[in-house]
Protein backbone atom coordinates (compact mmCIF):
# COMPACT_ATOMS: atom_id res chain seq x y z
CA MET A 1 113.10 -41.08 -21.59
CA GLU A 2 109.53 -41.07 -20.75
CA SER A 3 106.93 -42.79 -22.80
CA GLY A 4 103.89 -40.55 -22.43
CA LYS A 5 102.75 -41.85 -19.08
CA GLY A 6 101.75 -38.38 -17.84
CA ARG A 7 100.49 -37.07 -21.05
CA ALA A 8 96.93 -35.64 -20.97
CA GLY A 9 94.87 -34.47 -23.96
CA PHE A 10 95.45 -34.74 -27.73
CA THR A 11 98.21 -33.51 -29.94
CA LEU A 12 97.62 -30.92 -32.54
CA ILE A 13 98.01 -33.55 -35.31
CA GLU A 14 95.32 -35.84 -33.76
CA LEU A 15 92.96 -32.90 -33.56
CA MET A 16 93.68 -31.93 -37.23
CA ILE A 17 93.01 -35.54 -38.31
CA VAL A 18 89.62 -35.58 -36.54
CA VAL A 19 88.64 -32.17 -37.93
CA ALA A 20 89.60 -33.44 -41.41
CA ILE A 21 87.52 -36.54 -41.08
CA ILE A 22 84.54 -34.61 -39.95
CA ALA A 23 84.99 -32.06 -42.86
CA ILE A 24 85.07 -35.02 -45.23
CA ILE A 25 82.01 -36.54 -43.83
CA ALA A 26 80.11 -33.12 -43.95
CA ALA A 27 81.17 -32.66 -47.50
CA ILE A 28 79.64 -35.93 -48.44
CA ALA A 29 76.54 -35.78 -46.25
CA ILE A 30 75.23 -32.17 -46.67
CA PRO A 31 74.66 -32.28 -50.49
CA ASN A 32 72.80 -35.51 -50.03
CA ILE A 33 70.74 -34.07 -47.31
CA LEU A 34 69.87 -31.01 -49.40
CA ASP A 35 69.04 -33.16 -52.45
CA ALA A 36 66.67 -35.25 -50.16
CA ARG A 37 64.95 -32.06 -49.04
CA ARG A 38 64.53 -30.85 -52.63
CA GLU A 39 63.07 -34.13 -53.68
CA ALA A 40 60.68 -34.05 -50.63
CA ASN A 41 59.66 -30.55 -51.73
CA ARG A 42 59.13 -31.81 -55.34
CA SER A 43 57.08 -34.74 -54.12
CA ALA A 44 54.91 -32.36 -51.92
CA VAL A 45 54.40 -29.97 -54.87
CA MET A 46 53.25 -32.81 -57.14
CA GLN A 47 50.86 -34.18 -54.48
CA THR A 48 49.48 -30.67 -53.94
CA LEU A 49 48.93 -30.08 -57.72
CA ASN A 50 47.35 -33.50 -57.99
CA ALA A 51 44.93 -32.77 -55.05
CA PHE A 52 44.19 -29.38 -56.69
CA PHE A 53 43.26 -31.12 -59.97
CA LYS A 54 40.97 -33.69 -58.19
CA ALA A 55 39.24 -30.85 -56.33
CA ALA A 56 38.90 -28.80 -59.60
CA LEU A 57 37.51 -31.90 -61.34
CA THR A 58 35.02 -32.57 -58.63
CA TYR A 59 33.92 -28.86 -58.67
CA SER A 60 33.57 -29.17 -62.50
CA LEU A 61 31.59 -32.35 -62.41
CA ASP A 62 29.26 -30.96 -59.75
CA ARG A 63 28.63 -27.90 -62.05
CA GLY A 64 28.14 -29.40 -65.41
CA GLY A 65 31.69 -29.04 -66.67
CA THR A 66 32.58 -25.57 -65.62
CA TYR A 67 35.64 -24.50 -63.47
CA TYR A 68 35.93 -21.93 -60.65
CA TRP A 69 36.11 -18.41 -61.72
CA GLU A 70 35.35 -15.06 -60.21
CA SER A 71 35.47 -11.37 -61.24
CA PRO A 72 38.92 -10.01 -61.77
CA ALA A 73 40.33 -8.14 -58.78
CA THR A 74 43.13 -6.57 -60.74
CA ASP A 75 44.13 -5.92 -64.25
CA PHE A 76 46.18 -9.18 -64.14
CA GLY A 77 43.12 -11.35 -64.30
CA ASP A 78 41.89 -13.87 -61.69
CA TYR A 79 44.40 -15.36 -59.44
CA PHE A 80 45.13 -16.37 -55.88
CA HIS A 81 48.17 -17.81 -54.22
CA HIS A 82 48.95 -19.73 -51.14
CA LYS A 83 51.22 -17.63 -48.83
CA ASP A 84 52.20 -20.23 -46.27
CA ILE A 85 53.70 -23.08 -48.09
CA ARG A 86 56.07 -24.86 -45.76
CA PHE A 87 57.95 -26.61 -48.49
CA GLY A 88 58.95 -23.34 -50.05
CA TYR A 89 56.69 -23.04 -53.20
CA ARG A 90 54.01 -20.39 -54.07
CA PHE A 91 51.03 -21.76 -55.74
CA THR A 92 48.93 -19.59 -57.96
CA TYR A 93 45.68 -20.35 -59.79
CA PHE A 94 44.76 -18.69 -62.96
CA SER A 95 41.41 -19.06 -64.70
CA ASP A 96 40.31 -17.83 -68.07
CA ASP A 97 36.86 -16.92 -69.37
CA THR A 98 37.74 -18.13 -72.84
CA ASN A 99 34.78 -16.66 -74.62
CA GLY A 100 34.96 -13.24 -72.93
CA ASP A 101 31.30 -12.93 -71.88
CA GLY A 102 31.96 -13.25 -68.07
CA ASP A 103 30.07 -16.52 -67.87
CA ASP A 104 31.95 -19.55 -66.74
CA GLU A 105 30.82 -22.19 -69.19
CA ALA A 106 34.03 -22.20 -71.23
CA LEU A 107 36.65 -21.82 -68.47
CA LYS A 108 40.12 -23.23 -68.48
CA TYR A 109 42.61 -22.98 -65.61
CA VAL A 110 46.34 -23.42 -64.87
CA TYR A 111 47.68 -23.94 -61.31
CA ILE A 112 51.34 -23.13 -61.14
CA ALA A 113 53.92 -23.89 -58.31
CA VAL A 114 57.06 -21.83 -58.39
CA PRO A 115 59.86 -22.27 -55.87
CA LEU A 116 60.43 -19.26 -53.68
CA SER A 117 64.21 -19.64 -54.13
CA THR A 118 66.46 -22.20 -55.73
CA SER A 119 67.33 -23.61 -52.41
CA ASN A 120 63.81 -24.99 -52.20
CA GLY A 121 63.80 -26.47 -55.51
CA LYS A 122 65.07 -25.79 -59.15
CA ARG A 123 61.87 -26.44 -61.01
CA ALA A 124 58.52 -25.02 -61.40
CA TYR A 125 55.40 -27.15 -62.07
CA PHE A 126 51.92 -26.54 -63.28
CA VAL A 127 48.77 -28.54 -63.95
CA THR A 128 45.93 -27.73 -66.40
CA GLU A 129 42.26 -28.68 -66.61
CA ASN A 130 43.11 -31.81 -68.68
CA HIS A 131 45.45 -32.95 -65.92
CA ALA A 132 48.42 -32.28 -68.01
CA MET A 133 51.22 -31.70 -65.44
CA TYR A 134 54.30 -30.01 -66.58
CA MET A 135 57.65 -29.14 -65.05
CA SER A 136 60.14 -26.47 -66.07
CA SER A 137 63.64 -26.79 -67.19
CA ILE A 138 66.17 -26.31 -64.36
CA LEU A 139 65.73 -22.71 -63.21
CA ASN A 140 68.42 -20.17 -62.13
CA GLY A 141 67.68 -17.40 -59.55
CA THR A 142 66.62 -14.76 -62.18
CA GLN A 143 64.07 -17.16 -63.81
CA VAL A 144 62.57 -17.98 -60.43
CA GLU A 145 62.26 -14.25 -59.63
CA GLU A 146 60.59 -13.69 -63.15
CA LEU A 147 58.20 -16.69 -62.63
CA LEU A 148 57.30 -15.38 -59.21
CA SER A 149 56.49 -11.90 -60.52
CA LEU A 150 54.56 -13.11 -63.63
CA ALA A 151 51.01 -12.05 -62.96
CA GLN A 152 49.26 -14.13 -65.54
CA ALA A 153 49.91 -17.22 -67.56
CA ASP A 154 48.32 -18.46 -70.82
CA VAL A 155 45.68 -21.09 -69.67
CA ALA A 156 45.22 -22.63 -73.07
CA LEU A 157 48.54 -24.38 -72.90
CA ASP A 158 48.18 -26.87 -75.72
CA ASN A 159 51.90 -26.18 -76.49
CA PRO A 160 53.53 -25.09 -73.25
CA ASP A 161 56.65 -23.97 -75.18
CA GLU A 162 54.64 -21.31 -76.82
CA SER A 163 53.04 -20.06 -73.63
CA ARG A 164 53.60 -16.63 -72.30
CA ILE A 165 55.44 -18.22 -69.33
CA THR A 166 58.03 -19.36 -71.74
CA LYS A 167 58.21 -16.21 -73.76
CA GLY A 168 58.39 -14.10 -70.65
CA THR A 169 61.08 -16.03 -68.83
CA GLY A 170 62.89 -18.33 -71.30
CA VAL A 171 61.87 -21.36 -69.16
CA THR A 172 61.01 -24.37 -71.27
CA TRP A 173 58.42 -27.07 -70.01
CA GLU A 174 58.13 -30.75 -70.44
CA THR A 175 55.73 -33.40 -69.12
CA ALA A 176 56.29 -33.84 -65.35
CA SER A 177 55.97 -37.56 -65.43
CA SER A 178 58.94 -37.93 -67.89
CA LYS A 179 61.68 -36.77 -65.55
CA HIS A 180 62.38 -35.95 -61.92
């Protein structure tokens, strides 16, 4: 009887054990990597919104308390969005001429960030002129699509649960600093 002296390679059982070990490691590592990516996206969104708030505040202080506003380009009101956000969010700015005279002395704004898909993140965020930063409840794919297609938001968001965003999508909002 020979004791494996001339044996070359691995047995099928050895290969199956190695594949099983790799599968177990992947099953543990991949969700953690995806969660870390989503958390990095969330952090980048919060930093972007904070930078926007500071820029809007500086603009307002330089102009006696007014915020940026320009004539509506569409029936949907004033807005713009960033098209090239590498961390997978669309940013949209809405401003409101609250007294309706076309002058910008009584403007308010909201800057909203919506994930382009749930793989980028599962929450939307927005900041208002008083630096109230809110985040949405956890979104499903349909709610993300509805938020992305929403053309205008209420900018006087004293109670975000009563906003048009909530009514239009069923998404509820809470203060962003309270939870990740």
